[in-house]
Amino acid sequence: MTLQEGQRVKLAADLRLTDPIELPGLVIGILSLAADTEGTVEEVVERVRDDADVREYERLKSLLDSYGDGMPPESKRQLEQKVGALQPAWVAFQEQGPQVTVRVRFDNGFILSASPQDLYVPV
């Protein structure tokens, strides 16, 4: 599920934002946001993973689908082998899907930008 701008959300789990803040010999604290902290989605950014193997698979698969029947048998076989070798990258890309990040303004004033949408659940 992709979140939408203006949608109310809450953190699905506690989120640690910093490593321990220390002075010599003394730990002052750690900045965290608690689970169920609510806020509003201000921005949604969907990025498609840019992978050379995926682009090459798409290019060769399209070539094979469009012109494979008219190709000499040896050329077609070589193209099929290349497509087959790139197929694992294509399958991984399909399973992963687009990477969606969001900017959320929490009710307490904190803003998290470029955070994975999986950190949040709709309210």
N, C-alpha and C. Protein backbone atom coordinates (compact mmCIF):
# COMPACT_ATOMS: atom_id res chain seq x y z
N MET A 1 0.84 -1.17 0.00
CA MET A 1 0.00 0.00 0.00
C MET A 1 0.89 1.25 0.00
N THR A 2 0.60 2.18 -0.88
CA THR A 2 1.35 3.43 -0.95
C THR A 2 0.59 4.49 -0.17
N LEU A 3 1.30 5.18 0.70
CA LEU A 3 0.70 6.28 1.45
C LEU A 3 0.45 7.46 0.52
N GLN A 4 -0.41 8.37 0.95
CA GLN A 4 -0.76 9.53 0.13
C GLN A 4 -0.53 10.81 0.92
N GLU A 5 -0.22 11.89 0.20
CA GLU A 5 -0.04 13.18 0.84
C GLU A 5 -1.32 13.57 1.57
N GLY A 6 -1.15 14.11 2.77
CA GLY A 6 -2.29 14.52 3.59
C GLY A 6 -2.84 13.42 4.47
N GLN A 7 -2.41 12.21 4.27
CA GLN A 7 -2.90 11.06 5.04
C GLN A 7 -2.33 11.08 6.46
N ARG A 8 -3.16 10.74 7.43
CA ARG A 8 -2.71 10.62 8.81
C ARG A 8 -2.10 9.24 9.02
N VAL A 9 -0.95 9.22 9.68
CA VAL A 9 -0.24 7.97 9.94
C VAL A 9 0.30 7.98 11.35
N LYS A 10 0.75 6.79 11.78
CA LYS A 10 1.45 6.68 13.06
C LYS A 10 2.61 5.71 12.88
N LEU A 11 3.62 5.86 13.71
CA LEU A 11 4.77 4.96 13.65
C LEU A 11 4.34 3.55 14.05
N ALA A 12 4.81 2.57 13.31
CA ALA A 12 4.45 1.18 13.58
C ALA A 12 5.25 0.61 14.75
N ALA A 13 6.43 1.17 15.01
CA ALA A 13 7.29 0.67 16.09
C ALA A 13 8.16 1.82 16.59
N ASP A 14 8.78 1.63 17.75
CA ASP A 14 9.72 2.63 18.24
C ASP A 14 10.80 2.86 17.20
N LEU A 15 11.23 4.10 17.06
CA LEU A 15 12.23 4.45 16.07
C LEU A 15 13.37 5.21 16.73
N ARG A 16 14.54 4.60 16.72
CA ARG A 16 15.73 5.23 17.30
C ARG A 16 16.36 6.13 16.24
N LEU A 17 16.50 7.41 16.56
CA LEU A 17 16.98 8.38 15.58
C LEU A 17 18.47 8.68 15.70
N THR A 18 19.05 8.49 16.87
CA THR A 18 20.47 8.78 17.05
C THR A 18 21.15 7.69 17.84
N ASP A 19 22.45 7.65 17.73
CA ASP A 19 23.26 6.82 18.61
C ASP A 19 23.29 7.51 19.97
N PRO A 20 23.76 6.83 20.99
CA PRO A 20 23.84 7.48 22.30
C PRO A 20 24.64 8.79 22.24
N ILE A 21 24.10 9.81 22.89
CA ILE A 21 24.78 11.10 22.98
C ILE A 21 25.62 11.06 24.24
N GLU A 22 26.92 11.22 24.09
CA GLU A 22 27.82 11.01 25.22
C GLU A 22 28.72 12.21 25.47
N LEU A 23 29.03 12.42 26.73
CA LEU A 23 30.11 13.28 27.17
C LEU A 23 31.16 12.35 27.75
N PRO A 24 32.37 12.79 27.94
CA PRO A 24 33.38 11.87 28.49
C PRO A 24 32.89 11.16 29.76
N GLY A 25 32.72 9.85 29.65
CA GLY A 25 32.32 9.05 30.79
C GLY A 25 30.85 9.13 31.16
N LEU A 26 30.01 9.78 30.34
CA LEU A 26 28.62 9.96 30.71
C LEU A 26 27.72 9.88 29.47
N VAL A 27 26.70 9.02 29.51
CA VAL A 27 25.72 8.96 28.43
C VAL A 27 24.57 9.89 28.79
N ILE A 28 24.30 10.85 27.91
CA ILE A 28 23.24 11.82 28.18
C ILE A 28 21.87 11.28 27.75
N GLY A 29 21.83 10.62 26.58
CA GLY A 29 20.55 10.09 26.12
C GLY A 29 20.59 9.64 24.68
N ILE A 30 19.44 9.19 24.23
CA ILE A 30 19.25 8.73 22.86
C ILE A 30 17.96 9.37 22.38
N LEU A 31 17.96 9.90 21.17
CA LEU A 31 16.76 10.49 20.61
C LEU A 31 15.95 9.42 19.90
N SER A 32 14.73 9.21 20.34
CA SER A 32 13.84 8.20 19.76
C SER A 32 12.44 8.77 19.63
N LEU A 33 11.68 8.17 18.73
CA LEU A 33 10.25 8.45 18.64
C LEU A 33 9.51 7.16 19.00
N ALA A 34 8.50 7.29 19.79
CA ALA A 34 7.76 6.12 20.27
C ALA A 34 6.78 5.61 19.22
N ALA A 35 6.53 4.32 19.26
CA ALA A 35 5.49 3.73 18.41
C ALA A 35 4.18 4.46 18.68
N ASP A 36 3.34 4.54 17.68
CA ASP A 36 2.03 5.19 17.73
C ASP A 36 2.11 6.71 17.73
N THR A 37 3.31 7.30 17.56
CA THR A 37 3.40 8.75 17.40
C THR A 37 2.75 9.11 16.07
N GLU A 38 1.79 10.03 16.11
CA GLU A 38 1.01 10.35 14.91
C GLU A 38 1.52 11.58 14.19
N GLY A 39 1.27 11.60 12.89
CA GLY A 39 1.63 12.74 12.08
C GLY A 39 0.91 12.70 10.75
N THR A 40 1.29 13.63 9.87
CA THR A 40 0.66 13.76 8.56
C THR A 40 1.71 13.62 7.47
N VAL A 41 1.39 12.85 6.45
CA VAL A 41 2.28 12.68 5.31
C VAL A 41 2.27 13.97 4.50
N GLU A 42 3.47 14.57 4.32
CA GLU A 42 3.58 15.80 3.54
C GLU A 42 4.04 15.56 2.11
N GLU A 43 4.80 14.48 1.90
CA GLU A 43 5.34 14.22 0.57
C GLU A 43 5.55 12.73 0.39
N VAL A 44 5.25 12.24 -0.79
CA VAL A 44 5.48 10.84 -1.14
C VAL A 44 6.38 10.82 -2.38
N VAL A 45 7.48 10.09 -2.29
CA VAL A 45 8.41 9.99 -3.41
C VAL A 45 8.56 8.51 -3.78
N GLU A 46 8.26 8.20 -5.02
CA GLU A 46 8.38 6.83 -5.51
C GLU A 46 9.58 6.75 -6.45
N ARG A 47 10.52 5.93 -6.08
CA ARG A 47 11.73 5.77 -6.90
C ARG A 47 11.77 4.35 -7.44
N VAL A 48 11.98 4.26 -8.74
CA VAL A 48 12.17 2.95 -9.35
C VAL A 48 13.67 2.69 -9.33
N ARG A 49 14.03 1.54 -8.84
CA ARG A 49 15.44 1.18 -8.75
C ARG A 49 16.07 1.20 -10.13
N ASP A 50 17.17 1.91 -10.25
CA ASP A 50 17.87 2.03 -11.53
C ASP A 50 18.95 0.96 -11.58
N ASP A 51 18.70 -0.09 -12.33
CA ASP A 51 19.60 -1.23 -12.39
C ASP A 51 19.91 -1.54 -13.86
N ALA A 52 21.19 -1.56 -14.20
CA ALA A 52 21.59 -1.81 -15.59
C ALA A 52 21.11 -3.18 -16.08
N ASP A 53 21.17 -4.21 -15.23
CA ASP A 53 20.72 -5.54 -15.64
C ASP A 53 19.23 -5.57 -15.95
N VAL A 54 18.44 -4.83 -15.18
CA VAL A 54 17.00 -4.77 -15.42
C VAL A 54 16.72 -4.06 -16.74
N ARG A 55 17.39 -2.95 -16.98
CA ARG A 55 17.20 -2.24 -18.25
C ARG A 55 17.60 -3.12 -19.43
N GLU A 56 18.71 -3.85 -19.29
CA GLU A 56 19.17 -4.72 -20.37
C GLU A 56 18.19 -5.88 -20.58
N TYR A 57 17.66 -6.44 -19.50
CA TYR A 57 16.67 -7.51 -19.63
C TYR A 57 15.46 -6.99 -20.41
N GLU A 58 14.96 -5.82 -20.04
CA GLU A 58 13.79 -5.26 -20.73
C GLU A 58 14.07 -5.04 -22.21
N ARG A 59 15.25 -4.53 -22.52
CA ARG A 59 15.62 -4.26 -23.90
C ARG A 59 15.70 -5.56 -24.71
N LEU A 60 16.43 -6.54 -24.18
CA LEU A 60 16.60 -7.80 -24.90
C LEU A 60 15.31 -8.60 -25.00
N LYS A 61 14.51 -8.58 -23.94
CA LYS A 61 13.23 -9.30 -23.95
C LYS A 61 12.29 -8.70 -24.99
N SER A 62 12.29 -7.38 -25.08
CA SER A 62 11.47 -6.71 -26.08
C SER A 62 11.93 -7.07 -27.49
N LEU A 63 13.23 -7.09 -27.68
CA LEU A 63 13.79 -7.48 -28.97
C LEU A 63 13.40 -8.91 -29.32
N LEU A 64 13.52 -9.80 -28.35
CA LEU A 64 13.16 -11.21 -28.58
C LEU A 64 11.68 -11.35 -28.89
N ASP A 65 10.84 -10.68 -28.13
CA ASP A 65 9.39 -10.78 -28.35
C ASP A 65 8.98 -10.20 -29.71
N SER A 66 9.63 -9.11 -30.11
CA SER A 66 9.25 -8.44 -31.36
C SER A 66 9.81 -9.11 -32.61
N TYR A 67 11.05 -9.57 -32.54
CA TYR A 67 11.72 -10.05 -33.75
C TYR A 67 12.24 -11.47 -33.66
N GLY A 68 12.01 -12.15 -32.54
CA GLY A 68 12.55 -13.49 -32.35
C GLY A 68 12.12 -14.49 -33.39
N ASP A 69 10.86 -14.41 -33.84
CA ASP A 69 10.37 -15.39 -34.82
C ASP A 69 11.08 -15.27 -36.16
N GLY A 70 11.56 -14.10 -36.51
CA GLY A 70 12.22 -13.90 -37.80
C GLY A 70 13.74 -13.99 -37.73
N MET A 71 14.28 -14.27 -36.57
CA MET A 71 15.74 -14.33 -36.42
C MET A 71 16.27 -15.68 -36.85
N PRO A 72 17.53 -15.70 -37.29
CA PRO A 72 18.17 -17.01 -37.54
C PRO A 72 18.20 -17.80 -36.24
N PRO A 73 18.07 -19.11 -36.30
CA PRO A 73 17.98 -19.94 -35.09
C PRO A 73 19.13 -19.72 -34.10
N GLU A 74 20.36 -19.61 -34.59
CA GLU A 74 21.49 -19.44 -33.69
C GLU A 74 21.45 -18.08 -32.98
N SER A 75 21.07 -17.03 -33.69
CA SER A 75 20.96 -15.69 -33.08
C SER A 75 19.85 -15.67 -32.03
N LYS A 76 18.74 -16.32 -32.36
CA LYS A 76 17.63 -16.39 -31.41
C LYS A 76 18.05 -17.15 -30.16
N ARG A 77 18.78 -18.26 -30.33
CA ARG A 77 19.23 -19.05 -29.19
C ARG A 77 20.17 -18.22 -28.29
N GLN A 78 21.08 -17.47 -28.90
CA GLN A 78 22.00 -16.64 -28.12
C GLN A 78 21.24 -15.55 -27.36
N LEU A 79 20.26 -14.96 -28.01
CA LEU A 79 19.45 -13.92 -27.36
C LEU A 79 18.65 -14.51 -26.21
N GLU A 80 18.09 -15.70 -26.41
CA GLU A 80 17.36 -16.36 -25.33
C GLU A 80 18.26 -16.66 -24.14
N GLN A 81 19.50 -17.05 -24.41
CA GLN A 81 20.45 -17.31 -23.33
C GLN A 81 20.76 -16.03 -22.54
N LYS A 82 20.94 -14.93 -23.26
CA LYS A 82 21.22 -13.66 -22.59
C LYS A 82 20.03 -13.22 -21.74
N VAL A 83 18.83 -13.38 -22.27
CA VAL A 83 17.62 -13.03 -21.52
C VAL A 83 17.50 -13.92 -20.29
N GLY A 84 17.77 -15.22 -20.46
CA GLY A 84 17.71 -16.15 -19.33
C GLY A 84 18.72 -15.81 -18.25
N ALA A 85 19.90 -15.37 -18.64
CA ALA A 85 20.94 -15.02 -17.66
C ALA A 85 20.55 -13.77 -16.86
N LEU A 86 19.79 -12.89 -17.48
CA LEU A 86 19.38 -11.65 -16.80
C LEU A 86 18.06 -11.80 -16.05
N GLN A 87 17.37 -12.90 -16.24
CA GLN A 87 16.05 -13.08 -15.62
C GLN A 87 16.07 -13.00 -14.10
N PRO A 88 17.07 -13.53 -13.37
CA PRO A 88 17.07 -13.39 -11.91
C PRO A 88 17.04 -11.92 -11.44
N ALA A 89 17.75 -11.05 -12.14
CA ALA A 89 17.72 -9.62 -11.80
C ALA A 89 16.32 -9.05 -12.02
N TRP A 90 15.66 -9.49 -13.09
CA TRP A 90 14.31 -9.02 -13.39
C TRP A 90 13.31 -9.50 -12.33
N VAL A 91 13.42 -10.76 -11.95
CA VAL A 91 12.52 -11.32 -10.93
C VAL A 91 12.71 -10.59 -9.60
N ALA A 92 13.96 -10.35 -9.21
CA ALA A 92 14.23 -9.62 -7.97
C ALA A 92 13.65 -8.20 -8.02
N PHE A 93 13.78 -7.57 -9.17
CA PHE A 93 13.22 -6.22 -9.35
C PHE A 93 11.70 -6.24 -9.22
N GLN A 94 11.06 -7.22 -9.83
CA GLN A 94 9.60 -7.33 -9.75
C GLN A 94 9.14 -7.59 -8.32
N GLU A 95 9.86 -8.42 -7.59
CA GLU A 95 9.48 -8.72 -6.21
C GLU A 95 9.66 -7.53 -5.30
N GLN A 96 10.74 -6.78 -5.52
CA GLN A 96 11.02 -5.63 -4.65
C GLN A 96 10.05 -4.49 -4.92
N GLY A 97 9.72 -4.25 -6.16
CA GLY A 97 8.84 -3.16 -6.51
C GLY A 97 9.50 -1.81 -6.30
N PRO A 98 8.72 -0.75 -6.48
CA PRO A 98 9.30 0.59 -6.32
C PRO A 98 9.60 0.89 -4.86
N GLN A 99 10.60 1.72 -4.65
CA GLN A 99 10.94 2.15 -3.30
C GLN A 99 10.20 3.46 -3.02
N VAL A 100 9.33 3.43 -2.02
CA VAL A 100 8.54 4.60 -1.68
C VAL A 100 9.03 5.17 -0.37
N THR A 101 9.38 6.45 -0.39
CA THR A 101 9.76 7.15 0.83
C THR A 101 8.79 8.29 1.06
N VAL A 102 8.66 8.69 2.32
CA VAL A 102 7.72 9.74 2.67
C VAL A 102 8.36 10.76 3.61
N ARG A 103 7.78 11.94 3.60
CA ARG A 103 8.13 12.98 4.57
C ARG A 103 6.91 13.12 5.47
N VAL A 104 7.12 12.93 6.78
CA VAL A 104 6.02 12.99 7.73
C VAL A 104 6.31 14.08 8.76
N ARG A 105 5.32 14.95 8.98
CA ARG A 105 5.38 15.95 10.04
C ARG A 105 4.56 15.42 11.21
N PHE A 106 5.27 15.10 12.30
CA PHE A 106 4.59 14.56 13.48
C PHE A 106 3.91 15.67 14.26
N ASP A 107 2.89 15.30 15.01
CA ASP A 107 2.14 16.27 15.81
C ASP A 107 3.03 16.95 16.85
N ASN A 108 4.12 16.31 17.26
CA ASN A 108 5.01 16.89 18.25
C ASN A 108 6.04 17.85 17.64
N GLY A 109 5.96 18.05 16.31
CA GLY A 109 6.84 18.99 15.64
C GLY A 109 8.01 18.37 14.89
N PHE A 110 8.35 17.13 15.19
CA PHE A 110 9.43 16.47 14.47
C PHE A 110 9.02 16.21 13.02
N ILE A 111 10.00 16.24 12.15
CA ILE A 111 9.79 15.92 10.73
C ILE A 111 10.79 14.84 10.35
N LEU A 112 10.30 13.77 9.76
CA LEU A 112 11.17 12.73 9.19
C LEU A 112 11.00 12.77 7.69
N SER A 113 12.12 12.95 7.00
CA SER A 113 12.09 13.02 5.56
C SER A 113 12.83 11.82 4.97
N ALA A 114 12.42 11.40 3.78
CA ALA A 114 13.04 10.27 3.07
C ALA A 114 13.03 9.00 3.90
N SER A 115 11.98 8.79 4.66
CA SER A 115 11.87 7.58 5.46
C SER A 115 11.02 6.55 4.72
N PRO A 116 11.34 5.26 4.83
CA PRO A 116 10.57 4.23 4.14
C PRO A 116 9.12 4.21 4.61
N GLN A 117 8.20 4.04 3.68
CA GLN A 117 6.78 4.05 4.05
C GLN A 117 6.41 2.90 4.98
N ASP A 118 7.23 1.86 5.02
CA ASP A 118 6.95 0.71 5.87
C ASP A 118 7.04 1.03 7.36
N LEU A 119 7.61 2.18 7.71
CA LEU A 119 7.69 2.58 9.12
C LEU A 119 6.33 3.01 9.68
N TYR A 120 5.37 3.25 8.80
CA TYR A 120 4.10 3.86 9.20
C TYR A 120 2.91 2.97 8.90
N VAL A 121 1.86 3.20 9.68
CA VAL A 121 0.57 2.58 9.41
C VAL A 121 -0.47 3.69 9.40
N PRO A 122 -1.49 3.57 8.55
CA PRO A 122 -2.54 4.59 8.53
C PRO A 122 -3.29 4.64 9.85
N VAL A 123 -3.75 5.84 10.20
CA VAL A 123 -4.53 6.02 11.43
C VAL A 123 -5.99 5.76 11.11
